[in-house]
Amino acid sequence: QAAFNFAVYKYRPTRYQFLPTIYNWMCNQSTPR
């Protein structure tokens, strides 16, 4: 994950999409309703 993040932020691939959190909801970050 560290390698993935660094590669995205430093090399800036030309085609990427950041999708909304409801598409990968981190339950430890916030308990759903």
ModelCIF file with pLDDT and N, C-alpha, C, O atoms, coordinates in Angstrom:
data_MODEL
#
_entry.id   MODEL 
#
_entity.id                         1 
_entity.type                       polymer 
_entity.pdbx_number_of_molecules   1 
#
_entity_poly.entity_id                      1 
_entity_poly.type                           'polypeptide(L)' 
_entity_poly.nstd_linkage                   no 
_entity_poly.nstd_monomer                   no 
_entity_poly.pdbx_seq_one_letter_code       QAAFNFAVYKYRPTRYQFLPTIYNWMCNQSTPR 
_entity_poly.pdbx_seq_one_letter_code_can   QAAFNFAVYKYRPTRYQFLPTIYNWMCNQSTPR 
_entity_poly.pdbx_strand_id                 A 
#
loop_
_entity_poly_seq.entity_id 
_entity_poly_seq.num 
_entity_poly_seq.mon_id 
_entity_poly_seq.hetero 
1 1  GLN n 
1 2  ALA n 
1 3  ALA n 
1 4  PHE n 
1 5  ASN n 
1 6  PHE n 
1 7  ALA n 
1 8  VAL n 
1 9  TYR n 
1 10 LYS n 
1 11 TYR n 
1 12 ARG n 
1 13 PRO n 
1 14 THR n 
1 15 ARG n 
1 16 TYR n 
1 17 GLN n 
1 18 PHE n 
1 19 LEU n 
1 20 PRO n 
1 21 THR n 
1 22 ILE n 
1 23 TYR n 
1 24 ASN n 
1 25 TRP n 
1 26 MET n 
1 27 CYS n 
1 28 ASN n 
1 29 GLN n 
1 30 SER n 
1 31 THR n 
1 32 PRO n 
1 33 ARG n 
#
_struct_asym.id          A 
_struct_asym.entity_id   1 
#
loop_
_ma_qa_metric.id 
_ma_qa_metric.mode 
_ma_qa_metric.name 
_ma_qa_metric.software_group_id 
_ma_qa_metric.type 
1 global pLDDT . pLDDT 
2 local  pLDDT . pLDDT 
#
_ma_qa_metric_global.metric_id      1 
_ma_qa_metric_global.metric_value   92.76 
_ma_qa_metric_global.model_id       1 
_ma_qa_metric_global.ordinal_id     1 
#
loop_
_ma_qa_metric_local.label_asym_id 
_ma_qa_metric_local.label_comp_id 
_ma_qa_metric_local.label_seq_id 
_ma_qa_metric_local.metric_id 
_ma_qa_metric_local.metric_value 
_ma_qa_metric_local.model_id 
_ma_qa_metric_local.ordinal_id 
A GLN 1  2 93.00 1 1  
A ALA 2  2 92.00 1 2  
A ALA 3  2 94.00 1 3  
A PHE 4  2 96.00 1 4  
A ASN 5  2 94.00 1 5  
A PHE 6  2 93.00 1 6  
A ALA 7  2 94.00 1 7  
A VAL 8  2 95.00 1 8  
A TYR 9  2 93.00 1 9  
A LYS 10 2 90.00 1 10 
A TYR 11 2 87.00 1 11 
A ARG 12 2 83.00 1 12 
A PRO 13 2 77.00 1 13 
A THR 14 2 70.00 1 14 
A ARG 15 2 86.00 1 15 
A TYR 16 2 90.00 1 16 
A GLN 17 2 94.00 1 17 
A PHE 18 2 96.00 1 18 
A LEU 19 2 98.00 1 19 
A PRO 20 2 98.00 1 20 
A THR 21 2 98.00 1 21 
A ILE 22 2 98.00 1 22 
A TYR 23 2 98.00 1 23 
A ASN 24 2 98.00 1 24 
A TRP 25 2 98.00 1 25 
A MET 26 2 96.00 1 26 
A CYS 27 2 95.00 1 27 
A ASN 28 2 91.00 1 28 
A GLN 29 2 93.00 1 29 
A SER 30 2 94.00 1 30 
A THR 31 2 95.00 1 31 
A PRO 32 2 97.00 1 32 
A ARG 33 2 97.00 1 33 
#
loop_
_atom_site.group_PDB 
_atom_site.id 
_atom_site.type_symbol 
_atom_site.label_atom_id 
_atom_site.label_alt_id 
_atom_site.label_comp_id 
_atom_site.label_asym_id 
_atom_site.label_entity_id 
_atom_site.label_seq_id 
_atom_site.pdbx_PDB_ins_code 
_atom_site.Cartn_x 
_atom_site.Cartn_y 
_atom_site.Cartn_z 
_atom_site.occupancy 
_atom_site.B_iso_or_equiv 
_atom_site.pdbx_formal_charge 
_atom_site.auth_seq_id 
_atom_site.auth_comp_id 
_atom_site.auth_asym_id 
_atom_site.auth_atom_id 
_atom_site.pdbx_PDB_model_num 
ATOM 1   N N  . GLN A 1 1  ? 0.828   -1.201 0.000   1.00 93.00 ? 1  GLN A N  1 
ATOM 2   C CA . GLN A 1 1  ? 0.000   0.000  0.000   1.00 93.00 ? 1  GLN A CA 1 
ATOM 3   C C  . GLN A 1 1  ? 0.869   1.260  0.000   1.00 93.00 ? 1  GLN A C  1 
ATOM 4   O O  . GLN A 1 1  ? 0.561   2.236  -0.684  1.00 93.00 ? 1  GLN A O  1 
ATOM 5   N N  . ALA A 1 2  ? 1.958   1.226  0.775   1.00 92.00 ? 2  ALA A N  1 
ATOM 6   C CA . ALA A 1 2  ? 2.884   2.356  0.769   1.00 92.00 ? 2  ALA A CA 1 
ATOM 7   C C  . ALA A 1 2  ? 3.481   2.550  -0.622  1.00 92.00 ? 2  ALA A C  1 
ATOM 8   O O  . ALA A 1 2  ? 3.593   3.679  -1.101  1.00 92.00 ? 2  ALA A O  1 
ATOM 9   N N  . ALA A 1 3  ? 3.862   1.455  -1.267  1.00 94.00 ? 3  ALA A N  1 
ATOM 10  C CA . ALA A 1 3  ? 4.430   1.538  -2.612  1.00 94.00 ? 3  ALA A CA 1 
ATOM 11  C C  . ALA A 1 3  ? 3.405   2.065  -3.609  1.00 94.00 ? 3  ALA A C  1 
ATOM 12  O O  . ALA A 1 3  ? 3.731   2.888  -4.465  1.00 94.00 ? 3  ALA A O  1 
ATOM 13  N N  . PHE A 1 4  ? 2.184   1.599  -3.498  1.00 96.00 ? 4  PHE A N  1 
ATOM 14  C CA . PHE A 1 4  ? 1.100   2.041  -4.374  1.00 96.00 ? 4  PHE A CA 1 
ATOM 15  C C  . PHE A 1 4  ? 0.881   3.540  -4.219  1.00 96.00 ? 4  PHE A C  1 
ATOM 16  O O  . PHE A 1 4  ? 0.842   4.272  -5.209  1.00 96.00 ? 4  PHE A O  1 
ATOM 17  N N  . ASN A 1 5  ? 0.738   3.997  -2.977  1.00 94.00 ? 5  ASN A N  1 
ATOM 18  C CA . ASN A 1 5  ? 0.482   5.409  -2.719  1.00 94.00 ? 5  ASN A CA 1 
ATOM 19  C C  . ASN A 1 5  ? 1.619   6.279  -3.229  1.00 94.00 ? 5  ASN A C  1 
ATOM 20  O O  . ASN A 1 5  ? 1.393   7.295  -3.888  1.00 94.00 ? 5  ASN A O  1 
ATOM 21  N N  . PHE A 1 6  ? 2.850   5.868  -2.916  1.00 93.00 ? 6  PHE A N  1 
ATOM 22  C CA . PHE A 1 6  ? 3.999   6.663  -3.345  1.00 93.00 ? 6  PHE A CA 1 
ATOM 23  C C  . PHE A 1 6  ? 4.052   6.754  -4.871  1.00 93.00 ? 6  PHE A C  1 
ATOM 24  O O  . PHE A 1 6  ? 4.307   7.823  -5.425  1.00 93.00 ? 6  PHE A O  1 
ATOM 25  N N  . ALA A 1 7  ? 3.810   5.630  -5.544  1.00 94.00 ? 7  ALA A N  1 
ATOM 26  C CA . ALA A 1 7  ? 3.855   5.628  -7.008  1.00 94.00 ? 7  ALA A CA 1 
ATOM 27  C C  . ALA A 1 7  ? 2.782   6.527  -7.601  1.00 94.00 ? 7  ALA A C  1 
ATOM 28  O O  . ALA A 1 7  ? 3.031   7.217  -8.590  1.00 94.00 ? 7  ALA A O  1 
ATOM 29  N N  . VAL A 1 8  ? 1.585   6.529  -7.007  1.00 95.00 ? 8  VAL A N  1 
ATOM 30  C CA . VAL A 1 8  ? 0.518   7.393  -7.515  1.00 95.00 ? 8  VAL A CA 1 
ATOM 31  C C  . VAL A 1 8  ? 0.873   8.860  -7.309  1.00 95.00 ? 8  VAL A C  1 
ATOM 32  O O  . VAL A 1 8  ? 0.774   9.666  -8.234  1.00 95.00 ? 8  VAL A O  1 
ATOM 33  N N  . TYR A 1 9  ? 1.287   9.200  -6.095  1.00 93.00 ? 9  TYR A N  1 
ATOM 34  C CA . TYR A 1 9  ? 1.520   10.605 -5.776  1.00 93.00 ? 9  TYR A CA 1 
ATOM 35  C C  . TYR A 1 9  ? 2.785   11.181 -6.413  1.00 93.00 ? 9  TYR A C  1 
ATOM 36  O O  . TYR A 1 9  ? 2.838   12.373 -6.714  1.00 93.00 ? 9  TYR A O  1 
ATOM 37  N N  . LYS A 1 10 ? 3.795   10.350 -6.617  1.00 90.00 ? 10 LYS A N  1 
ATOM 38  C CA . LYS A 1 10 ? 5.049   10.853 -7.170  1.00 90.00 ? 10 LYS A CA 1 
ATOM 39  C C  . LYS A 1 10 ? 5.095   10.775 -8.693  1.00 90.00 ? 10 LYS A C  1 
ATOM 40  O O  . LYS A 1 10 ? 5.638   11.666 -9.347  1.00 90.00 ? 10 LYS A O  1 
ATOM 41  N N  . TYR A 1 11 ? 4.526   9.711  -9.258  1.00 87.00 ? 11 TYR A N  1 
ATOM 42  C CA . TYR A 1 11 ? 4.617   9.531  -10.696 1.00 87.00 ? 11 TYR A CA 1 
ATOM 43  C C  . TYR A 1 11 ? 3.361   9.984  -11.428 1.00 87.00 ? 11 TYR A C  1 
ATOM 44  O O  . TYR A 1 11 ? 3.380   10.145 -12.649 1.00 87.00 ? 11 TYR A O  1 
ATOM 45  N N  . ARG A 1 12 ? 2.267   10.192 -10.692 1.00 83.00 ? 12 ARG A N  1 
ATOM 46  C CA . ARG A 1 12 ? 1.025   10.723 -11.237 1.00 83.00 ? 12 ARG A CA 1 
ATOM 47  C C  . ARG A 1 12 ? 0.607   10.040 -12.540 1.00 83.00 ? 12 ARG A C  1 
ATOM 48  O O  . ARG A 1 12 ? 0.740   10.625 -13.615 1.00 83.00 ? 12 ARG A O  1 
ATOM 49  N N  . PRO A 1 13 ? 0.105   8.813  -12.452 1.00 77.00 ? 13 PRO A N  1 
ATOM 50  C CA . PRO A 1 13 ? -0.363  8.151  -13.677 1.00 77.00 ? 13 PRO A CA 1 
ATOM 51  C C  . PRO A 1 13 ? -1.390  9.033  -14.388 1.00 77.00 ? 13 PRO A C  1 
ATOM 52  O O  . PRO A 1 13 ? -2.172  9.739  -13.752 1.00 77.00 ? 13 PRO A O  1 
ATOM 53  N N  . THR A 1 14 ? -1.370  8.976  -15.701 1.00 70.00 ? 14 THR A N  1 
ATOM 54  C CA . THR A 1 14 ? -2.201  9.898  -16.478 1.00 70.00 ? 14 THR A CA 1 
ATOM 55  C C  . THR A 1 14 ? -3.680  9.569  -16.388 1.00 70.00 ? 14 THR A C  1 
ATOM 56  O O  . THR A 1 14 ? -4.518  10.445 -16.605 1.00 70.00 ? 14 THR A O  1 
ATOM 57  N N  . ARG A 1 15 ? -4.016  8.338  -16.075 1.00 86.00 ? 15 ARG A N  1 
ATOM 58  C CA . ARG A 1 15 ? -5.428  7.951  -16.045 1.00 86.00 ? 15 ARG A CA 1 
ATOM 59  C C  . ARG A 1 15 ? -5.720  7.224  -14.725 1.00 86.00 ? 15 ARG A C  1 
ATOM 60  O O  . ARG A 1 15 ? -5.402  6.046  -14.562 1.00 86.00 ? 15 ARG A O  1 
ATOM 61  N N  . TYR A 1 16 ? -6.329  7.953  -13.796 1.00 90.00 ? 16 TYR A N  1 
ATOM 62  C CA . TYR A 1 16 ? -6.731  7.335  -12.549 1.00 90.00 ? 16 TYR A CA 1 
ATOM 63  C C  . TYR A 1 16 ? -8.013  7.974  -12.055 1.00 90.00 ? 16 TYR A C  1 
ATOM 64  O O  . TYR A 1 16 ? -8.296  9.130  -12.368 1.00 90.00 ? 16 TYR A O  1 
ATOM 65  N N  . GLN A 1 17 ? -8.787  7.227  -11.286 1.00 94.00 ? 17 GLN A N  1 
ATOM 66  C CA . GLN A 1 17 ? -10.048 7.699  -10.734 1.00 94.00 ? 17 GLN A CA 1 
ATOM 67  C C  . GLN A 1 17 ? -10.095 7.390  -9.250  1.00 94.00 ? 17 GLN A C  1 
ATOM 68  O O  . GLN A 1 17 ? -9.846  6.256  -8.843  1.00 94.00 ? 17 GLN A O  1 
ATOM 69  N N  . PHE A 1 18 ? -10.411 8.386  -8.441  1.00 96.00 ? 18 PHE A N  1 
ATOM 70  C CA . PHE A 1 18 ? -10.653 8.183  -7.021  1.00 96.00 ? 18 PHE A CA 1 
ATOM 71  C C  . PHE A 1 18 ? -12.159 8.027  -6.833  1.00 96.00 ? 18 PHE A C  1 
ATOM 72  O O  . PHE A 1 18 ? -12.925 8.960  -7.074  1.00 96.00 ? 18 PHE A O  1 
ATOM 73  N N  . LEU A 1 19 ? -12.565 6.855  -6.405  1.00 98.00 ? 19 LEU A N  1 
ATOM 74  C CA . LEU A 1 19 ? -13.987 6.554  -6.244  1.00 98.00 ? 19 LEU A CA 1 
ATOM 75  C C  . LEU A 1 19 ? -14.444 6.888  -4.820  1.00 98.00 ? 19 LEU A C  1 
ATOM 76  O O  . LEU A 1 19 ? -13.610 7.007  -3.922  1.00 98.00 ? 19 LEU A O  1 
ATOM 77  N N  . PRO A 1 20 ? -15.753 7.042  -4.601  1.00 98.00 ? 20 PRO A N  1 
ATOM 78  C CA . PRO A 1 20 ? -16.263 7.457  -3.288  1.00 98.00 ? 20 PRO A CA 1 
ATOM 79  C C  . PRO A 1 20 ? -16.111 6.369  -2.227  1.00 98.00 ? 20 PRO A C  1 
ATOM 80  O O  . PRO A 1 20 ? -16.014 5.183  -2.541  1.00 98.00 ? 20 PRO A O  1 
ATOM 81  N N  . THR A 1 21 ? -16.091 6.797  -0.979  1.00 98.00 ? 21 THR A N  1 
ATOM 82  C CA . THR A 1 21 ? -15.844 5.874  0.125   1.00 98.00 ? 21 THR A CA 1 
ATOM 83  C C  . THR A 1 21 ? -16.910 4.790  0.257   1.00 98.00 ? 21 THR A C  1 
ATOM 84  O O  . THR A 1 21 ? -16.626 3.722  0.798   1.00 98.00 ? 21 THR A O  1 
ATOM 85  N N  . ILE A 1 22 ? -18.119 5.034  -0.220  1.00 98.00 ? 22 ILE A N  1 
ATOM 86  C CA . ILE A 1 22 ? -19.152 3.989  -0.135  1.00 98.00 ? 22 ILE A CA 1 
ATOM 87  C C  . ILE A 1 22 ? -18.792 2.795  -1.005  1.00 98.00 ? 22 ILE A C  1 
ATOM 88  O O  . ILE A 1 22 ? -19.438 1.752  -0.907  1.00 98.00 ? 22 ILE A O  1 
ATOM 89  N N  . TYR A 1 23 ? -17.769 2.920  -1.859  1.00 98.00 ? 23 TYR A N  1 
ATOM 90  C CA . TYR A 1 23 ? -17.332 1.804  -2.694  1.00 98.00 ? 23 TYR A CA 1 
ATOM 91  C C  . TYR A 1 23 ? -16.236 0.977  -2.028  1.00 98.00 ? 23 TYR A C  1 
ATOM 92  O O  . TYR A 1 23 ? -15.810 -0.042 -2.573  1.00 98.00 ? 23 TYR A O  1 
ATOM 93  N N  . ASN A 1 24 ? -15.780 1.405  -0.859  1.00 98.00 ? 24 ASN A N  1 
ATOM 94  C CA . ASN A 1 24 ? -14.822 0.623  -0.061  1.00 98.00 ? 24 ASN A CA 1 
ATOM 95  C C  . ASN A 1 24 ? -14.850 1.223  1.347   1.00 98.00 ? 24 ASN A C  1 
ATOM 96  O O  . ASN A 1 24 ? -13.915 1.904  1.768   1.00 98.00 ? 24 ASN A O  1 
ATOM 97  N N  . TRP A 1 25 ? -15.936 0.956  2.058   1.00 98.00 ? 25 TRP A N  1 
ATOM 98  C CA . TRP A 1 25 ? -16.174 1.603  3.350   1.00 98.00 ? 25 TRP A CA 1 
ATOM 99  C C  . TRP A 1 25 ? -15.322 0.956  4.440   1.00 98.00 ? 25 TRP A C  1 
ATOM 100 O O  . TRP A 1 25 ? -15.459 -0.233 4.731   1.00 98.00 ? 25 TRP A O  1 
ATOM 101 N N  . MET A 1 26 ? -14.430 1.769  5.043   1.00 96.00 ? 26 MET A N  1 
ATOM 102 C CA . MET A 1 26 ? -13.537 1.278  6.078   1.00 96.00 ? 26 MET A CA 1 
ATOM 103 C C  . MET A 1 26 ? -14.278 1.286  7.415   1.00 96.00 ? 26 MET A C  1 
ATOM 104 O O  . MET A 1 26 ? -14.428 2.331  8.048   1.00 96.00 ? 26 MET A O  1 
ATOM 105 N N  . CYS A 1 27 ? -14.735 0.115  7.829   1.00 95.00 ? 27 CYS A N  1 
ATOM 106 C CA . CYS A 1 27 ? -15.604 0.039  9.003   1.00 95.00 ? 27 CYS A CA 1 
ATOM 107 C C  . CYS A 1 27 ? -14.892 0.396  10.303  1.00 95.00 ? 27 CYS A C  1 
ATOM 108 O O  . CYS A 1 27 ? -15.541 0.780  11.276  1.00 95.00 ? 27 CYS A O  1 
ATOM 109 N N  . ASN A 1 28 ? -13.560 0.272  10.331  1.00 91.00 ? 28 ASN A N  1 
ATOM 110 C CA . ASN A 1 28 ? -12.841 0.683  11.532  1.00 91.00 ? 28 ASN A CA 1 
ATOM 111 C C  . ASN A 1 28 ? -12.785 2.200  11.652  1.00 91.00 ? 28 ASN A C  1 
ATOM 112 O O  . ASN A 1 28 ? -12.607 2.736  12.746  1.00 91.00 ? 28 ASN A O  1 
ATOM 113 N N  . GLN A 1 29 ? -12.939 2.892  10.524  1.00 93.00 ? 29 GLN A N  1 
ATOM 114 C CA . GLN A 1 29 ? -12.898 4.351  10.521  1.00 93.00 ? 29 GLN A CA 1 
ATOM 115 C C  . GLN A 1 29 ? -14.224 4.963  10.971  1.00 93.00 ? 29 GLN A C  1 
ATOM 116 O O  . GLN A 1 29 ? -14.246 6.028  11.588  1.00 93.00 ? 29 GLN A O  1 
ATOM 117 N N  . SER A 1 30 ? -15.313 4.292  10.661  1.00 94.00 ? 30 SER A N  1 
ATOM 118 C CA . SER A 1 30 ? -16.631 4.794  11.053  1.00 94.00 ? 30 SER A CA 1 
ATOM 119 C C  . SER A 1 30 ? -17.644 3.666  10.932  1.00 94.00 ? 30 SER A C  1 
ATOM 120 O O  . SER A 1 30 ? -17.774 3.052  9.873   1.00 94.00 ? 30 SER A O  1 
ATOM 121 N N  . THR A 1 31 ? -18.359 3.397  12.013  1.00 95.00 ? 31 THR A N  1 
ATOM 122 C CA . THR A 1 31 ? -19.370 2.342  12.002  1.00 95.00 ? 31 THR A CA 1 
ATOM 123 C C  . THR A 1 31 ? -20.552 2.769  11.141  1.00 95.00 ? 31 THR A C  1 
ATOM 124 O O  . THR A 1 31 ? -21.106 3.847  11.352  1.00 95.00 ? 31 THR A O  1 
ATOM 125 N N  . PRO A 1 32 ? -20.949 1.939  10.170  1.00 97.00 ? 32 PRO A N  1 
ATOM 126 C CA . PRO A 1 32 ? -22.083 2.310  9.321   1.00 97.00 ? 32 PRO A CA 1 
ATOM 127 C C  . PRO A 1 32 ? -23.381 2.404  10.125  1.00 97.00 ? 32 PRO A C  1 
ATOM 128 O O  . PRO A 1 32 ? -23.476 1.907  11.247  1.00 97.00 ? 32 PRO A O  1 
ATOM 129 N N  . ARG A 1 33 ? -24.347 3.037  9.538   1.00 97.00 ? 33 ARG A N  1 
ATOM 130 C CA . ARG A 1 33 ? -25.712 3.052  10.059  1.00 97.00 ? 33 ARG A CA 1 
ATOM 131 C C  . ARG A 1 33 ? -26.484 1.937  9.367   1.00 97.00 ? 33 ARG A C  1 
ATOM 132 O O  . ARG A 1 33 ? -27.669 1.745  9.639   1.00 97.00 ? 33 ARG A O  1 
#
